[in-house]
Amino acid sequence: MIILEGTSDLPVGVGLRAMLHVPGKEVREATAVKDRLHQHSLAPILNEGFLVVGVGKADLEDGTLIEICGEAT
C-alpha cells in the first residue's frame, strides 16, 4: 500500500495501470487499486491510498517513481 498526499478523480476499487520507474532498471507495469483510507468522517480527505498488486517493498528503491495512468487494460 502506498499513501499519496492530495486527492485525484481516479475511481475507487478499479484496477488502474501503474508504471514503476526504478532508477537504473526497465520500466515495469503493475496494477494499482485505489482504496478508501479510514479517516474521521468530519475531516477533509487529504490523502489517498493505492494497493500496488505484485510489488513488494524490496522492489522499490530510493528514487522510484510510481505513475498511476488510469484504468488497466
N, C-alpha and C. Protein backbone atom coordinates (compact mmCIF):
# COMPACT_ATOMS: atom_id res chain seq x y z
N MET A 1 0.86 -1.17 0.00
CA MET A 1 0.00 0.00 0.00
C MET A 1 0.90 1.23 0.00
N ILE A 2 0.59 2.15 -0.88
CA ILE A 2 1.28 3.43 -0.88
C ILE A 2 0.26 4.52 -0.55
N ILE A 3 0.69 5.52 0.16
CA ILE A 3 -0.16 6.64 0.55
C ILE A 3 0.39 7.88 -0.14
N LEU A 4 -0.49 8.62 -0.79
CA LEU A 4 -0.10 9.82 -1.50
C LEU A 4 -0.80 11.04 -0.91
N GLU A 5 -0.07 12.14 -0.84
CA GLU A 5 -0.69 13.39 -0.42
C GLU A 5 -1.57 13.90 -1.54
N GLY A 6 -2.69 14.48 -1.18
CA GLY A 6 -3.59 15.05 -2.17
C GLY A 6 -4.65 14.06 -2.60
N THR A 7 -5.49 14.50 -3.51
CA THR A 7 -6.59 13.67 -3.99
C THR A 7 -6.63 13.71 -5.51
N SER A 8 -7.34 12.75 -6.08
CA SER A 8 -7.50 12.69 -7.54
C SER A 8 -8.93 12.27 -7.84
N ASP A 9 -9.25 12.25 -9.11
CA ASP A 9 -10.58 11.80 -9.53
C ASP A 9 -10.54 10.35 -10.01
N LEU A 10 -9.46 9.62 -9.73
CA LEU A 10 -9.37 8.21 -10.11
C LEU A 10 -10.41 7.41 -9.34
N PRO A 11 -11.00 6.41 -9.98
CA PRO A 11 -12.06 5.63 -9.33
C PRO A 11 -11.54 4.71 -8.23
N VAL A 12 -12.37 4.48 -7.23
CA VAL A 12 -12.05 3.59 -6.11
C VAL A 12 -12.42 2.16 -6.50
N GLY A 13 -11.54 1.21 -6.17
CA GLY A 13 -11.85 -0.21 -6.36
C GLY A 13 -11.72 -0.72 -7.78
N VAL A 14 -11.12 0.06 -8.66
CA VAL A 14 -10.95 -0.32 -10.06
C VAL A 14 -9.47 -0.54 -10.33
N GLY A 15 -9.14 -1.56 -11.12
CA GLY A 15 -7.75 -1.80 -11.48
C GLY A 15 -7.22 -0.66 -12.34
N LEU A 16 -6.14 -0.04 -11.90
CA LEU A 16 -5.54 1.09 -12.60
C LEU A 16 -4.14 0.71 -13.07
N ARG A 17 -3.73 1.21 -14.22
CA ARG A 17 -2.41 0.93 -14.76
C ARG A 17 -1.38 1.77 -13.99
N ALA A 18 -0.36 1.10 -13.46
CA ALA A 18 0.70 1.77 -12.73
C ALA A 18 2.03 1.45 -13.39
N MET A 19 2.83 2.47 -13.65
CA MET A 19 4.15 2.30 -14.24
C MET A 19 5.18 2.59 -13.16
N LEU A 20 6.06 1.63 -12.91
CA LEU A 20 7.10 1.78 -11.90
C LEU A 20 8.41 2.12 -12.58
N HIS A 21 8.91 3.29 -12.28
CA HIS A 21 10.18 3.76 -12.83
C HIS A 21 11.23 3.64 -11.73
N VAL A 22 11.96 2.53 -11.73
CA VAL A 22 13.00 2.28 -10.74
C VAL A 22 14.32 2.73 -11.36
N PRO A 23 15.08 3.58 -10.68
CA PRO A 23 16.34 4.06 -11.25
C PRO A 23 17.26 2.91 -11.69
N GLY A 24 17.75 3.00 -12.93
CA GLY A 24 18.68 2.02 -13.45
C GLY A 24 18.05 0.72 -13.93
N LYS A 25 16.72 0.62 -13.93
CA LYS A 25 16.04 -0.60 -14.36
C LYS A 25 14.98 -0.26 -15.40
N GLU A 26 14.50 -1.30 -16.11
CA GLU A 26 13.43 -1.10 -17.08
C GLU A 26 12.16 -0.67 -16.36
N VAL A 27 11.33 0.08 -17.08
CA VAL A 27 10.02 0.48 -16.54
C VAL A 27 9.17 -0.79 -16.44
N ARG A 28 8.53 -0.95 -15.30
CA ARG A 28 7.71 -2.14 -15.04
C ARG A 28 6.26 -1.72 -14.89
N GLU A 29 5.36 -2.51 -15.47
CA GLU A 29 3.93 -2.21 -15.37
C GLU A 29 3.31 -3.08 -14.28
N ALA A 30 2.41 -2.50 -13.52
CA ALA A 30 1.69 -3.22 -12.46
C ALA A 30 0.26 -2.69 -12.43
N THR A 31 -0.52 -3.26 -11.55
CA THR A 31 -1.89 -2.81 -11.35
C THR A 31 -2.01 -2.19 -9.96
N ALA A 32 -2.63 -1.03 -9.89
CA ALA A 32 -2.88 -0.35 -8.62
C ALA A 32 -4.39 -0.24 -8.43
N VAL A 33 -4.83 -0.38 -7.20
CA VAL A 33 -6.24 -0.25 -6.86
C VAL A 33 -6.37 0.82 -5.78
N LYS A 34 -7.12 1.87 -6.08
CA LYS A 34 -7.34 2.94 -5.10
C LYS A 34 -8.28 2.43 -4.03
N ASP A 35 -7.93 2.71 -2.78
CA ASP A 35 -8.73 2.25 -1.64
C ASP A 35 -9.09 3.46 -0.79
N ARG A 36 -10.18 3.34 -0.10
CA ARG A 36 -10.59 4.41 0.81
C ARG A 36 -9.81 4.27 2.12
N LEU A 37 -9.20 5.36 2.55
CA LEU A 37 -8.49 5.35 3.82
C LEU A 37 -9.48 5.64 4.93
N HIS A 38 -9.27 5.05 6.07
CA HIS A 38 -10.15 5.28 7.22
C HIS A 38 -9.76 6.60 7.87
N GLN A 39 -10.63 7.57 7.74
CA GLN A 39 -10.40 8.88 8.32
C GLN A 39 -11.64 9.30 9.10
N HIS A 40 -11.46 10.28 9.96
CA HIS A 40 -12.62 10.80 10.69
C HIS A 40 -13.61 11.38 9.68
N SER A 41 -14.88 11.10 9.87
CA SER A 41 -15.90 11.49 8.89
C SER A 41 -16.00 13.00 8.72
N LEU A 42 -15.63 13.78 9.71
CA LEU A 42 -15.74 15.23 9.60
C LEU A 42 -14.49 15.88 9.01
N ALA A 43 -13.40 15.13 8.95
CA ALA A 43 -12.15 15.68 8.44
C ALA A 43 -12.13 15.62 6.91
N PRO A 44 -11.57 16.63 6.27
CA PRO A 44 -11.46 16.58 4.81
C PRO A 44 -10.46 15.50 4.39
N ILE A 45 -10.67 14.93 3.21
CA ILE A 45 -9.76 13.89 2.72
C ILE A 45 -8.53 14.58 2.13
N LEU A 46 -7.37 14.29 2.72
CA LEU A 46 -6.13 14.93 2.29
C LEU A 46 -5.16 13.94 1.63
N ASN A 47 -5.40 12.64 1.79
CA ASN A 47 -4.50 11.62 1.28
C ASN A 47 -5.31 10.53 0.58
N GLU A 48 -4.64 9.80 -0.32
CA GLU A 48 -5.23 8.65 -0.98
C GLU A 48 -4.31 7.45 -0.80
N GLY A 49 -4.91 6.26 -0.80
CA GLY A 49 -4.13 5.04 -0.69
C GLY A 49 -4.34 4.16 -1.92
N PHE A 50 -3.26 3.55 -2.37
CA PHE A 50 -3.30 2.65 -3.52
C PHE A 50 -2.59 1.35 -3.16
N LEU A 51 -3.24 0.23 -3.44
CA LEU A 51 -2.61 -1.08 -3.30
C LEU A 51 -2.00 -1.39 -4.66
N VAL A 52 -0.67 -1.57 -4.70
CA VAL A 52 0.01 -1.89 -5.95
C VAL A 52 0.24 -3.40 -5.94
N VAL A 53 -0.51 -4.10 -6.78
CA VAL A 53 -0.54 -5.56 -6.80
C VAL A 53 0.74 -6.12 -7.40
N GLY A 54 1.33 -7.09 -6.71
CA GLY A 54 2.51 -7.78 -7.22
C GLY A 54 3.82 -7.04 -7.03
N VAL A 55 3.81 -5.99 -6.25
CA VAL A 55 5.03 -5.22 -6.00
C VAL A 55 5.29 -5.24 -4.50
N GLY A 56 6.48 -5.70 -4.13
CA GLY A 56 6.86 -5.74 -2.73
C GLY A 56 7.78 -4.58 -2.38
N LYS A 57 7.98 -4.39 -1.12
CA LYS A 57 8.84 -3.31 -0.63
C LYS A 57 10.25 -3.44 -1.21
N ALA A 58 10.72 -4.68 -1.37
CA ALA A 58 12.07 -4.93 -1.89
C ALA A 58 12.20 -4.50 -3.36
N ASP A 59 11.07 -4.39 -4.08
CA ASP A 59 11.09 -3.98 -5.49
C ASP A 59 11.28 -2.48 -5.64
N LEU A 60 11.09 -1.74 -4.58
CA LEU A 60 11.15 -0.28 -4.63
C LEU A 60 12.46 0.21 -4.02
N GLU A 61 13.17 1.02 -4.75
CA GLU A 61 14.42 1.59 -4.28
C GLU A 61 14.24 3.10 -4.11
N ASP A 62 15.19 3.73 -3.44
CA ASP A 62 15.14 5.19 -3.33
C ASP A 62 15.09 5.79 -4.72
N GLY A 63 14.23 6.75 -4.91
CA GLY A 63 14.11 7.42 -6.19
C GLY A 63 13.10 6.79 -7.13
N THR A 64 12.41 5.73 -6.69
CA THR A 64 11.40 5.09 -7.53
C THR A 64 10.21 6.02 -7.72
N LEU A 65 9.75 6.13 -8.95
CA LEU A 65 8.56 6.92 -9.29
C LEU A 65 7.47 5.96 -9.69
N ILE A 66 6.29 6.10 -9.08
CA ILE A 66 5.14 5.28 -9.45
C ILE A 66 4.13 6.20 -10.11
N GLU A 67 3.85 5.93 -11.38
CA GLU A 67 2.95 6.74 -12.17
C GLU A 67 1.65 5.96 -12.36
N ILE A 68 0.55 6.49 -11.86
CA ILE A 68 -0.74 5.83 -11.99
C ILE A 68 -1.46 6.51 -13.16
N CYS A 69 -1.69 5.71 -14.21
CA CYS A 69 -2.08 6.26 -15.51
C CYS A 69 -3.57 6.22 -15.81
N GLY A 70 -4.32 5.39 -15.17
CA GLY A 70 -5.73 5.25 -15.49
C GLY A 70 -6.11 3.78 -15.50
N GLU A 71 -7.27 3.46 -16.01
CA GLU A 71 -7.77 2.08 -15.95
C GLU A 71 -6.86 1.13 -16.69
N ALA A 72 -6.63 -0.04 -16.07
CA ALA A 72 -5.81 -1.10 -16.67
C ALA A 72 -6.55 -1.72 -17.84
N THR A 73 -5.81 -2.21 -18.79
CA THR A 73 -6.43 -2.85 -19.96
C THR A 73 -6.42 -4.34 -19.83
